[in-house]
PDB file of all heavy atoms in Angstrom:
ATOM      1  N   SER A   1     -18.449  -2.807 -19.540  1.00  0.00           N
ATOM      2  CA  SER A   1     -18.154  -3.086 -20.937  1.00  0.00           C
ATOM      3  C   SER A   1     -16.664  -3.327 -21.157  1.00  0.00           C
ATOM      4  O   SER A   1     -15.811  -2.906 -20.365  1.00  0.00           O
ATOM      5  CB  SER A   1     -18.623  -1.929 -21.819  1.00  0.00           C
ATOM      6  OG  SER A   1     -17.830  -0.786 -21.592  1.00  0.00           O
ATOM      7  N   PHE A   2     -16.372  -3.971 -22.270  1.00  0.00           N
ATOM      8  CA  PHE A   2     -14.988  -4.210 -22.661  1.00  0.00           C
ATOM      9  C   PHE A   2     -14.279  -2.898 -22.984  1.00  0.00           C
ATOM     10  O   PHE A   2     -13.068  -2.778 -22.809  1.00  0.00           O
ATOM     11  CB  PHE A   2     -14.955  -5.149 -23.876  1.00  0.00           C
ATOM     12  CG  PHE A   2     -13.564  -5.486 -24.334  1.00  0.00           C
ATOM     13  CD1 PHE A   2     -12.714  -6.223 -23.523  1.00  0.00           C
ATOM     14  CD2 PHE A   2     -13.101  -5.059 -25.567  1.00  0.00           C
ATOM     15  CE1 PHE A   2     -11.429  -6.530 -23.930  1.00  0.00           C
ATOM     16  CE2 PHE A   2     -11.813  -5.359 -25.986  1.00  0.00           C
ATOM     17  CZ  PHE A   2     -10.976  -6.104 -25.159  1.00  0.00           C
ATOM     18  N   LEU A   3     -15.065  -1.905 -23.420  1.00  0.00           N
ATOM     19  CA  LEU A   3     -14.481  -0.586 -23.707  1.00  0.00           C
ATOM     20  C   LEU A   3     -13.879   0.031 -22.450  1.00  0.00           C
ATOM     21  O   LEU A   3     -12.855   0.720 -22.515  1.00  0.00           O
ATOM     22  CB  LEU A   3     -15.548   0.346 -24.289  1.00  0.00           C
ATOM     23  CG  LEU A   3     -16.047   0.022 -25.702  1.00  0.00           C
ATOM     24  CD1 LEU A   3     -17.163   0.966 -26.096  1.00  0.00           C
ATOM     25  CD2 LEU A   3     -14.908   0.099 -26.717  1.00  0.00           C
ATOM     26  N   LEU A   4     -14.500  -0.207 -21.303  1.00  0.00           N
ATOM     27  CA  LEU A   4     -13.966   0.327 -20.053  1.00  0.00           C
ATOM     28  C   LEU A   4     -12.641  -0.340 -19.711  1.00  0.00           C
ATOM     29  O   LEU A   4     -11.718   0.310 -19.206  1.00  0.00           O
ATOM     30  CB  LEU A   4     -14.972   0.113 -18.918  1.00  0.00           C
ATOM     31  CG  LEU A   4     -14.582   0.703 -17.563  1.00  0.00           C
ATOM     32  CD1 LEU A   4     -14.423   2.212 -17.658  1.00  0.00           C
ATOM     33  CD2 LEU A   4     -15.620   0.352 -16.501  1.00  0.00           C
ATOM     34  N   ILE A   5     -12.519  -1.626 -19.989  1.00  0.00           N
ATOM     35  CA  ILE A   5     -11.253  -2.337 -19.761  1.00  0.00           C
ATOM     36  C   ILE A   5     -10.164  -1.755 -20.652  1.00  0.00           C
ATOM     37  O   ILE A   5      -9.030  -1.518 -20.210  1.00  0.00           O
ATOM     38  CB  ILE A   5     -11.423  -3.839 -20.032  1.00  0.00           C
ATOM     39  CG1 ILE A   5     -12.413  -4.446 -19.033  1.00  0.00           C
ATOM     40  CG2 ILE A   5     -10.085  -4.567 -19.962  1.00  0.00           C
ATOM     41  CD1 ILE A   5     -12.709  -5.917 -19.261  1.00  0.00           C
ATOM     42  N   ILE A   6     -10.508  -1.506 -21.916  1.00  0.00           N
ATOM     43  CA  ILE A   6      -9.531  -0.910 -22.839  1.00  0.00           C
ATOM     44  C   ILE A   6      -9.065   0.448 -22.320  1.00  0.00           C
ATOM     45  O   ILE A   6      -7.868   0.739 -22.288  1.00  0.00           O
ATOM     46  CB  ILE A   6     -10.144  -0.765 -24.245  1.00  0.00           C
ATOM     47  CG1 ILE A   6     -10.394  -2.144 -24.864  1.00  0.00           C
ATOM     48  CG2 ILE A   6      -9.243   0.071 -25.140  1.00  0.00           C
ATOM     49  CD1 ILE A   6     -11.109  -2.099 -26.199  1.00  0.00           C
ATOM     50  N   ALA A   7     -10.021   1.278 -21.885  1.00  0.00           N
ATOM     51  CA  ALA A   7      -9.687   2.631 -21.440  1.00  0.00           C
ATOM     52  C   ALA A   7      -8.826   2.621 -20.185  1.00  0.00           C
ATOM     53  O   ALA A   7      -7.902   3.427 -20.057  1.00  0.00           O
ATOM     54  CB  ALA A   7     -10.970   3.421 -21.187  1.00  0.00           C
ATOM     55  N   CYS A   8      -9.108   1.716 -19.253  1.00  0.00           N
ATOM     56  CA  CYS A   8      -8.415   1.729 -17.963  1.00  0.00           C
ATOM     57  C   CYS A   8      -7.108   0.938 -17.965  1.00  0.00           C
ATOM     58  O   CYS A   8      -6.241   1.195 -17.124  1.00  0.00           O
ATOM     59  CB  CYS A   8      -9.337   1.169 -16.875  1.00  0.00           C
ATOM     60  SG  CYS A   8     -10.736   2.242 -16.480  1.00  0.00           S
ATOM     61  N   PHE A   9      -6.960  -0.013 -18.881  1.00  0.00           N
ATOM     62  CA  PHE A   9      -5.785  -0.885 -18.847  1.00  0.00           C
ATOM     63  C   PHE A   9      -4.916  -0.800 -20.102  1.00  0.00           C
ATOM     64  O   PHE A   9      -3.695  -0.970 -20.005  1.00  0.00           O
ATOM     65  CB  PHE A   9      -6.219  -2.344 -18.683  1.00  0.00           C
ATOM     66  CG  PHE A   9      -6.781  -2.686 -17.343  1.00  0.00           C
ATOM     67  CD1 PHE A   9      -8.136  -2.577 -17.102  1.00  0.00           C
ATOM     68  CD2 PHE A   9      -5.966  -3.137 -16.311  1.00  0.00           C
ATOM     69  CE1 PHE A   9      -8.670  -2.904 -15.856  1.00  0.00           C
ATOM     70  CE2 PHE A   9      -6.484  -3.466 -15.066  1.00  0.00           C
ATOM     71  CZ  PHE A   9      -7.840  -3.342 -14.845  1.00  0.00           C
ATOM     72  N   LEU A  10      -5.512  -0.566 -21.268  1.00  0.00           N
ATOM     73  CA  LEU A  10      -4.815  -0.896 -22.506  1.00  0.00           C
ATOM     74  C   LEU A  10      -4.495   0.286 -23.417  1.00  0.00           C
ATOM     75  O   LEU A  10      -4.038   0.057 -24.548  1.00  0.00           O
ATOM     76  CB  LEU A  10      -5.639  -1.932 -23.293  1.00  0.00           C
ATOM     77  CG  LEU A  10      -5.919  -3.246 -22.538  1.00  0.00           C
ATOM     78  CD1 LEU A  10      -6.785  -4.168 -23.386  1.00  0.00           C
ATOM     79  CD2 LEU A  10      -4.625  -3.929 -22.135  1.00  0.00           C
ATOM     80  N   ALA A  11      -4.738   1.516 -22.977  1.00  0.00           N
ATOM     81  CA  ALA A  11      -4.277   2.650 -23.789  1.00  0.00           C
ATOM     82  C   ALA A  11      -2.761   2.517 -23.958  1.00  0.00           C
ATOM     83  O   ALA A  11      -2.036   2.426 -22.968  1.00  0.00           O
ATOM     84  CB  ALA A  11      -4.627   3.969 -23.116  1.00  0.00           C
ATOM     85  N   PRO A  12      -2.251   2.451 -25.194  1.00  0.00           N
ATOM     86  CA  PRO A  12      -0.841   2.090 -25.416  1.00  0.00           C
ATOM     87  C   PRO A  12       0.172   2.917 -24.634  1.00  0.00           C
ATOM     88  O   PRO A  12       1.072   2.372 -23.993  1.00  0.00           O
ATOM     89  CB  PRO A  12      -0.677   2.284 -26.931  1.00  0.00           C
ATOM     90  CG  PRO A  12      -2.044   2.054 -27.480  1.00  0.00           C
ATOM     91  CD  PRO A  12      -2.988   2.609 -26.459  1.00  0.00           C
ATOM     92  N   SER A  13       0.070   4.243 -24.681  1.00  0.00           N
ATOM     93  CA  SER A  13       1.050   5.069 -23.977  1.00  0.00           C
ATOM     94  C   SER A  13       0.932   4.880 -22.467  1.00  0.00           C
ATOM     95  O   SER A  13       1.940   4.843 -21.754  1.00  0.00           O
ATOM     96  CB  SER A  13       0.872   6.547 -24.341  1.00  0.00           C
ATOM     97  OG  SER A  13      -0.378   7.031 -23.903  1.00  0.00           O
ATOM     98  N   PHE A  14      -0.292   4.747 -21.965  1.00  0.00           N
ATOM     99  CA  PHE A  14      -0.495   4.521 -20.532  1.00  0.00           C
ATOM    100  C   PHE A  14       0.121   3.190 -20.111  1.00  0.00           C
ATOM    101  O   PHE A  14       0.853   3.114 -19.121  1.00  0.00           O
ATOM    102  CB  PHE A  14      -1.991   4.538 -20.220  1.00  0.00           C
ATOM    103  CG  PHE A  14      -2.313   4.039 -18.841  1.00  0.00           C
ATOM    104  CD1 PHE A  14      -2.117   4.857 -17.735  1.00  0.00           C
ATOM    105  CD2 PHE A  14      -2.795   2.753 -18.642  1.00  0.00           C
ATOM    106  CE1 PHE A  14      -2.401   4.395 -16.452  1.00  0.00           C
ATOM    107  CE2 PHE A  14      -3.080   2.295 -17.367  1.00  0.00           C
ATOM    108  CZ  PHE A  14      -2.885   3.113 -16.270  1.00  0.00           C
ATOM    109  N   LEU A  15      -0.166   2.128 -20.861  1.00  0.00           N
ATOM    110  CA  LEU A  15       0.356   0.804 -20.525  1.00  0.00           C
ATOM    111  C   LEU A  15       1.878   0.798 -20.550  1.00  0.00           C
ATOM    112  O   LEU A  15       2.531   0.247 -19.645  1.00  0.00           O
ATOM    113  CB  LEU A  15      -0.203  -0.228 -21.512  1.00  0.00           C
ATOM    114  CG  LEU A  15       0.250  -1.679 -21.326  1.00  0.00           C
ATOM    115  CD1 LEU A  15      -0.208  -2.223 -19.989  1.00  0.00           C
ATOM    116  CD2 LEU A  15      -0.270  -2.555 -22.472  1.00  0.00           C
ATOM    117  N   TYR A  16       2.455   1.437 -21.535  1.00  0.00           N
ATOM    118  CA  TYR A  16       3.909   1.428 -21.694  1.00  0.00           C
ATOM    119  C   TYR A  16       4.609   2.222 -20.589  1.00  0.00           C
ATOM    120  O   TYR A  16       5.509   1.714 -19.913  1.00  0.00           O
ATOM    121  CB  TYR A  16       4.265   1.996 -23.068  1.00  0.00           C
ATOM    122  CG  TYR A  16       5.745   2.040 -23.360  1.00  0.00           C
ATOM    123  CD1 TYR A  16       6.450   0.891 -23.679  1.00  0.00           C
ATOM    124  CD2 TYR A  16       6.437   3.250 -23.327  1.00  0.00           C
ATOM    125  CE1 TYR A  16       7.810   0.933 -23.955  1.00  0.00           C
ATOM    126  CE2 TYR A  16       7.792   3.300 -23.602  1.00  0.00           C
ATOM    127  CZ  TYR A  16       8.474   2.140 -23.910  1.00  0.00           C
ATOM    128  OH  TYR A  16       9.825   2.193 -24.164  1.00  0.00           O
ATOM    129  N   TRP A  17       4.186   3.461 -20.381  1.00  0.00           N
ATOM    130  CA  TRP A  17       4.921   4.341 -19.473  1.00  0.00           C
ATOM    131  C   TRP A  17       4.678   4.009 -18.005  1.00  0.00           C
ATOM    132  O   TRP A  17       5.571   4.218 -17.175  1.00  0.00           O
ATOM    133  CB  TRP A  17       4.570   5.802 -19.749  1.00  0.00           C
ATOM    134  CG  TRP A  17       5.136   6.297 -21.037  1.00  0.00           C
ATOM    135  CD1 TRP A  17       4.461   6.584 -22.181  1.00  0.00           C
ATOM    136  CD2 TRP A  17       6.519   6.545 -21.327  1.00  0.00           C
ATOM    137  NE1 TRP A  17       5.321   6.997 -23.159  1.00  0.00           N
ATOM    138  CE2 TRP A  17       6.598   6.984 -22.664  1.00  0.00           C
ATOM    139  CE3 TRP A  17       7.695   6.435 -20.583  1.00  0.00           C
ATOM    140  CZ2 TRP A  17       7.804   7.316 -23.264  1.00  0.00           C
ATOM    141  CZ3 TRP A  17       8.895   6.779 -21.179  1.00  0.00           C
ATOM    142  CH2 TRP A  17       8.941   7.210 -22.504  1.00  0.00           C
ATOM    143  N   THR A  18       3.501   3.507 -17.657  1.00  0.00           N
ATOM    144  CA  THR A  18       3.249   3.185 -16.248  1.00  0.00           C
ATOM    145  C   THR A  18       3.662   1.766 -15.885  1.00  0.00           C
ATOM    146  O   THR A  18       3.588   1.395 -14.718  1.00  0.00           O
ATOM    147  CB  THR A  18       1.760   3.376 -15.898  1.00  0.00           C
ATOM    148  OG1 THR A  18       0.963   2.491 -16.700  1.00  0.00           O
ATOM    149  CG2 THR A  18       1.325   4.811 -16.120  1.00  0.00           C
ATOM    150  N   SER A  19       4.099   0.992 -16.870  1.00  0.00           N
ATOM    151  CA  SER A  19       4.582  -0.363 -16.582  1.00  0.00           C
ATOM    152  C   SER A  19       6.090  -0.409 -16.435  1.00  0.00           C
ATOM    153  O   SER A  19       6.618  -1.264 -15.727  1.00  0.00           O
ATOM    154  CB  SER A  19       4.148  -1.322 -17.705  1.00  0.00           C
ATOM    155  OG  SER A  19       2.750  -1.431 -17.780  1.00  0.00           O
ATOM    156  N   GLY A  20       6.790   0.482 -17.118  1.00  0.00           N
ATOM    157  CA  GLY A  20       8.248   0.478 -17.081  1.00  0.00           C
ATOM    158  C   GLY A  20       8.790   0.763 -15.697  1.00  0.00           C
ATOM    159  O   GLY A  20       8.141   1.419 -14.868  1.00  0.00           O
ATOM    160  N   LEU A  21       9.988   0.275 -15.454  1.00  0.00           N
ATOM    161  CA  LEU A  21      10.638   0.418 -14.147  1.00  0.00           C
ATOM    162  C   LEU A  21      11.151   1.845 -14.002  1.00  0.00           C
ATOM    163  O   LEU A  21      12.339   2.133 -14.152  1.00  0.00           O
ATOM    164  CB  LEU A  21      11.777  -0.597 -14.026  1.00  0.00           C
ATOM    165  CG  LEU A  21      12.335  -0.869 -12.620  1.00  0.00           C
ATOM    166  CD1 LEU A  21      11.233  -1.271 -11.661  1.00  0.00           C
ATOM    167  CD2 LEU A  21      13.400  -1.957 -12.685  1.00  0.00           C
ATOM    168  N   HIS A  22      10.221   2.732 -13.701  1.00  0.00           N
ATOM    169  CA  HIS A  22      10.529   4.155 -13.512  1.00  0.00           C
ATOM    170  C   HIS A  22       9.476   4.726 -12.569  1.00  0.00           C
ATOM    171  O   HIS A  22       8.624   3.996 -12.068  1.00  0.00           O
ATOM    172  CB  HIS A  22      10.557   4.880 -14.856  1.00  0.00           C
ATOM    173  CG  HIS A  22      11.518   6.029 -14.899  1.00  0.00           C
ATOM    174  ND1 HIS A  22      11.407   7.118 -14.055  1.00  0.00           N
ATOM    175  CD2 HIS A  22      12.599   6.289 -15.682  1.00  0.00           C
ATOM    176  CE1 HIS A  22      12.376   7.978 -14.302  1.00  0.00           C
ATOM    177  NE2 HIS A  22      13.129   7.493 -15.294  1.00  0.00           N
ATOM    178  N   LYS A  23       9.503   6.026 -12.377  1.00  0.00           N
ATOM    179  CA  LYS A  23       8.653   6.646 -11.362  1.00  0.00           C
ATOM    180  C   LYS A  23       7.190   6.757 -11.778  1.00  0.00           C
ATOM    181  O   LYS A  23       6.315   6.958 -10.930  1.00  0.00           O
ATOM    182  CB  LYS A  23       9.198   8.031 -11.016  1.00  0.00           C
ATOM    183  CG  LYS A  23      10.590   8.002 -10.387  1.00  0.00           C
ATOM    184  CD  LYS A  23      11.086   9.378 -10.051  1.00  0.00           C
ATOM    185  CE  LYS A  23      11.523  10.154 -11.267  1.00  0.00           C
ATOM    186  NZ  LYS A  23      12.771   9.659 -11.870  1.00  0.00           N
ATOM    187  N   ASP A  24       6.888   6.629 -13.071  1.00  0.00           N
ATOM    188  CA  ASP A  24       5.527   6.870 -13.541  1.00  0.00           C
ATOM    189  C   ASP A  24       4.519   5.879 -12.960  1.00  0.00           C
ATOM    190  O   ASP A  24       3.408   6.265 -12.599  1.00  0.00           O
ATOM    191  CB  ASP A  24       5.492   6.813 -15.071  1.00  0.00           C
ATOM    192  CG  ASP A  24       6.450   7.803 -15.692  1.00  0.00           C
ATOM    193  OD1 ASP A  24       6.065   8.968 -15.878  1.00  0.00           O
ATOM    194  OD2 ASP A  24       7.599   7.419 -15.979  1.00  0.00           O
ATOM    195  N   GLY A  25       4.911   4.613 -12.885  1.00  0.00           N
ATOM    196  CA  GLY A  25       4.003   3.602 -12.347  1.00  0.00           C
ATOM    197  C   GLY A  25       3.663   3.844 -10.890  1.00  0.00           C
ATOM    198  O   GLY A  25       2.506   3.730 -10.471  1.00  0.00           O
ATOM    199  N   LEU A  26       4.666   4.181 -10.083  1.00  0.00           N
ATOM    200  CA  LEU A  26       4.430   4.476  -8.667  1.00  0.00           C
ATOM    201  C   LEU A  26       3.625   5.763  -8.497  1.00  0.00           C
ATOM    202  O   LEU A  26       2.788   5.860  -7.593  1.00  0.00           O
ATOM    203  CB  LEU A  26       5.761   4.604  -7.922  1.00  0.00           C
ATOM    204  CG  LEU A  26       6.388   3.322  -7.381  1.00  0.00           C
ATOM    205  CD1 LEU A  26       7.673   3.639  -6.632  1.00  0.00           C
ATOM    206  CD2 LEU A  26       5.419   2.590  -6.461  1.00  0.00           C
ATOM    207  N   THR A  27       3.866   6.740  -9.351  1.00  0.00           N
ATOM    208  CA  THR A  27       3.079   7.977  -9.317  1.00  0.00           C
ATOM    209  C   THR A  27       1.609   7.674  -9.544  1.00  0.00           C
ATOM    210  O   THR A  27       0.731   8.170  -8.836  1.00  0.00           O
ATOM    211  CB  THR A  27       3.584   8.970 -10.378  1.00  0.00           C
ATOM    212  OG1 THR A  27       4.954   9.280 -10.124  1.00  0.00           O
ATOM    213  CG2 THR A  27       2.761  10.241 -10.372  1.00  0.00           C
ATOM    214  N   TYR A  28       1.346   6.828 -10.543  1.00  0.00           N
ATOM    215  CA  TYR A  28      -0.040   6.470 -10.835  1.00  0.00           C
ATOM    216  C   TYR A  28      -0.646   5.648  -9.699  1.00  0.00           C
ATOM    217  O   TYR A  28      -1.826   5.823  -9.368  1.00  0.00           O
ATOM    218  CB  TYR A  28      -0.115   5.680 -12.145  1.00  0.00           C
ATOM    219  CG  TYR A  28      -1.529   5.443 -12.608  1.00  0.00           C
ATOM    220  CD1 TYR A  28      -2.251   6.466 -13.222  1.00  0.00           C
ATOM    221  CD2 TYR A  28      -2.141   4.214 -12.431  1.00  0.00           C
ATOM    222  CE1 TYR A  28      -3.556   6.259 -13.639  1.00  0.00           C
ATOM    223  CE2 TYR A  28      -3.452   4.002 -12.852  1.00  0.00           C
ATOM    224  CZ  TYR A  28      -4.148   5.029 -13.457  1.00  0.00           C
ATOM    225  OH  TYR A  28      -5.442   4.828 -13.868  1.00  0.00           O
ATOM    226  N   LEU A  29       0.144   4.775  -9.092  1.00  0.00           N
ATOM    227  CA  LEU A  29      -0.341   3.992  -7.954  1.00  0.00           C
ATOM    228  C   LEU A  29      -0.774   4.911  -6.820  1.00  0.00           C
ATOM    229  O   LEU A  29      -1.852   4.735  -6.229  1.00  0.00           O
ATOM    230  CB  LEU A  29       0.752   3.036  -7.470  1.00  0.00           C
ATOM    231  CG  LEU A  29       0.457   2.274  -6.168  1.00  0.00           C
ATOM    232  CD1 LEU A  29      -0.736   1.346  -6.336  1.00  0.00           C
ATOM    233  CD2 LEU A  29       1.694   1.493  -5.720  1.00  0.00           C
ATOM    234  N   ALA A  30       0.060   5.898  -6.494  1.00  0.00           N
ATOM    235  CA  ALA A  30      -0.269   6.836  -5.416  1.00  0.00           C
ATOM    236  C   ALA A  30      -1.514   7.637  -5.757  1.00  0.00           C
ATOM    237  O   ALA A  30      -2.419   7.801  -4.925  1.00  0.00           O
ATOM    238  CB  ALA A  30       0.915   7.763  -5.160  1.00  0.00           C
ATOM    239  N   LEU A  31      -1.576   8.137  -6.985  1.00  0.00           N
ATOM    240  CA  LEU A  31      -2.735   8.916  -7.417  1.00  0.00           C
ATOM    241  C   LEU A  31      -4.002   8.067  -7.396  1.00  0.00           C
ATOM    242  O   LEU A  31      -5.058   8.517  -6.918  1.00  0.00           O
ATOM    243  CB  LEU A  31      -2.487   9.466  -8.820  1.00  0.00           C
ATOM    244  CG  LEU A  31      -3.622  10.259  -9.463  1.00  0.00           C
ATOM    245  CD1 LEU A  31      -3.921  11.519  -8.664  1.00  0.00           C
ATOM    246  CD2 LEU A  31      -3.271  10.609 -10.913  1.00  0.00           C
ATOM    247  N   ALA A  32      -3.905   6.846  -7.893  1.00  0.00           N
ATOM    248  CA  ALA A  32      -5.059   5.948  -7.932  1.00  0.00           C
ATOM    249  C   ALA A  32      -5.561   5.622  -6.531  1.00  0.00           C
ATOM    250  O   ALA A  32      -6.773   5.592  -6.281  1.00  0.00           O
ATOM    251  CB  ALA A  32      -4.694   4.657  -8.669  1.00  0.00           C
ATOM    252  N   ALA A  33      -4.627   5.373  -5.612  1.00  0.00           N
ATOM    253  CA  ALA A  33      -5.021   5.058  -4.236  1.00  0.00           C
ATOM    254  C   ALA A  33      -5.736   6.233  -3.589  1.00  0.00           C
ATOM    255  O   ALA A  33      -6.738   6.059  -2.881  1.00  0.00           O
ATOM    256  CB  ALA A  33      -3.791   4.667  -3.427  1.00  0.00           C
ATOM    257  N   ILE A  34      -5.233   7.445  -3.815  1.00  0.00           N
ATOM    258  CA  ILE A  34      -5.874   8.645  -3.253  1.00  0.00           C
ATOM    259  C   ILE A  34      -7.296   8.786  -3.780  1.00  0.00           C
ATOM    260  O   ILE A  34      -8.251   9.001  -3.020  1.00  0.00           O
ATOM    261  CB  ILE A  34      -5.037   9.892  -3.580  1.00  0.00           C
ATOM    262  CG1 ILE A  34      -3.699   9.846  -2.836  1.00  0.00           C
ATOM    263  CG2 ILE A  34      -5.805  11.163  -3.219  1.00  0.00           C
ATOM    264  CD1 ILE A  34      -2.700  10.891  -3.293  1.00  0.00           C
ATOM    265  N   ILE A  35      -7.464   8.663  -5.091  1.00  0.00           N
ATOM    266  CA  ILE A  35      -8.786   8.801  -5.690  1.00  0.00           C
ATOM    267  C   ILE A  35      -9.716   7.686  -5.218  1.00  0.00           C
ATOM    268  O   ILE A  35     -10.888   7.925  -4.888  1.00  0.00           O
ATOM    269  CB  ILE A  35      -8.672   8.803  -7.228  1.00  0.00           C
ATOM    270  CG1 ILE A  35      -7.959  10.078  -7.695  1.00  0.00           C
ATOM    271  CG2 ILE A  35     -10.041   8.692  -7.878  1.00  0.00           C
ATOM    272  CD1 ILE A  35      -7.663  10.124  -9.173  1.00  0.00           C
ATOM    273  N   TYR A  36      -9.197   6.465  -5.144  1.00  0.00           N
ATOM    274  CA  TYR A  36     -10.011   5.330  -4.711  1.00  0.00           C
ATOM    275  C   TYR A  36     -10.523   5.535  -3.287  1.00  0.00           C
ATOM    276  O   TYR A  36     -11.698   5.310  -2.993  1.00  0.00           O
ATOM    277  CB  TYR A  36      -9.179   4.047  -4.798  1.00  0.00           C
ATOM    278  CG  TYR A  36      -9.916   2.806  -4.356  1.00  0.00           C
ATOM    279  CD1 TYR A  36     -10.695   2.085  -5.248  1.00  0.00           C
ATOM    280  CD2 TYR A  36      -9.837   2.347  -3.035  1.00  0.00           C
ATOM    281  CE1 TYR A  36     -11.378   0.947  -4.853  1.00  0.00           C
ATOM    282  CE2 TYR A  36     -10.509   1.217  -2.629  1.00  0.00           C
ATOM    283  CZ  TYR A  36     -11.282   0.517  -3.544  1.00  0.00           C
ATOM    284  OH  TYR A  36     -11.968  -0.603  -3.142  1.00  0.00           O
ATOM    285  N   ILE A  37      -9.641   5.961  -2.399  1.00  0.00           N
ATOM    286  CA  ILE A  37     -10.023   6.149  -0.998  1.00  0.00           C
ATOM    287  C   ILE A  37     -11.022   7.293  -0.860  1.00  0.00           C
ATOM    288  O   ILE A  37     -12.010   7.188  -0.132  1.00  0.00           O
ATOM    289  CB  ILE A  37      -8.778   6.382  -0.129  1.00  0.00           C
ATOM    290  CG1 ILE A  37      -7.940   5.103  -0.074  1.00  0.00           C
ATOM    291  CG2 ILE A  37      -9.173   6.821   1.283  1.00  0.00           C
ATOM    292  CD1 ILE A  37      -6.581   5.278   0.565  1.00  0.00           C
ATOM    293  N   PHE A  38     -10.804   8.381  -1.570  1.00  0.00           N
ATOM    294  CA  PHE A  38     -11.759   9.483  -1.524  1.00  0.00           C
ATOM    295  C   PHE A  38     -13.108   9.058  -2.077  1.00  0.00           C
ATOM    296  O   PHE A  38     -14.151   9.447  -1.548  1.00  0.00           O
ATOM    297  CB  PHE A  38     -11.225  10.676  -2.321  1.00  0.00           C
ATOM    298  CG  PHE A  38     -10.509  11.693  -1.482  1.00  0.00           C
ATOM    299  CD1 PHE A  38      -9.186  11.509  -1.121  1.00  0.00           C
ATOM    300  CD2 PHE A  38     -11.164  12.826  -1.041  1.00  0.00           C
ATOM    301  CE1 PHE A  38      -8.521  12.438  -0.338  1.00  0.00           C
ATOM    302  CE2 PHE A  38     -10.511  13.767  -0.260  1.00  0.00           C
ATOM    303  CZ  PHE A  38      -9.188  13.575   0.099  1.00  0.00           C
TER     304      PHE A  38
END
């Protein structure tokens, strides 16, 4: 559903903080990769 796209990509605070050039985006990348592989 489109709701799943909104939840995973477009939550405003999530989109803003994990896109900026800071550690949050890389933290989420590492966490996401761990969960995906498991």
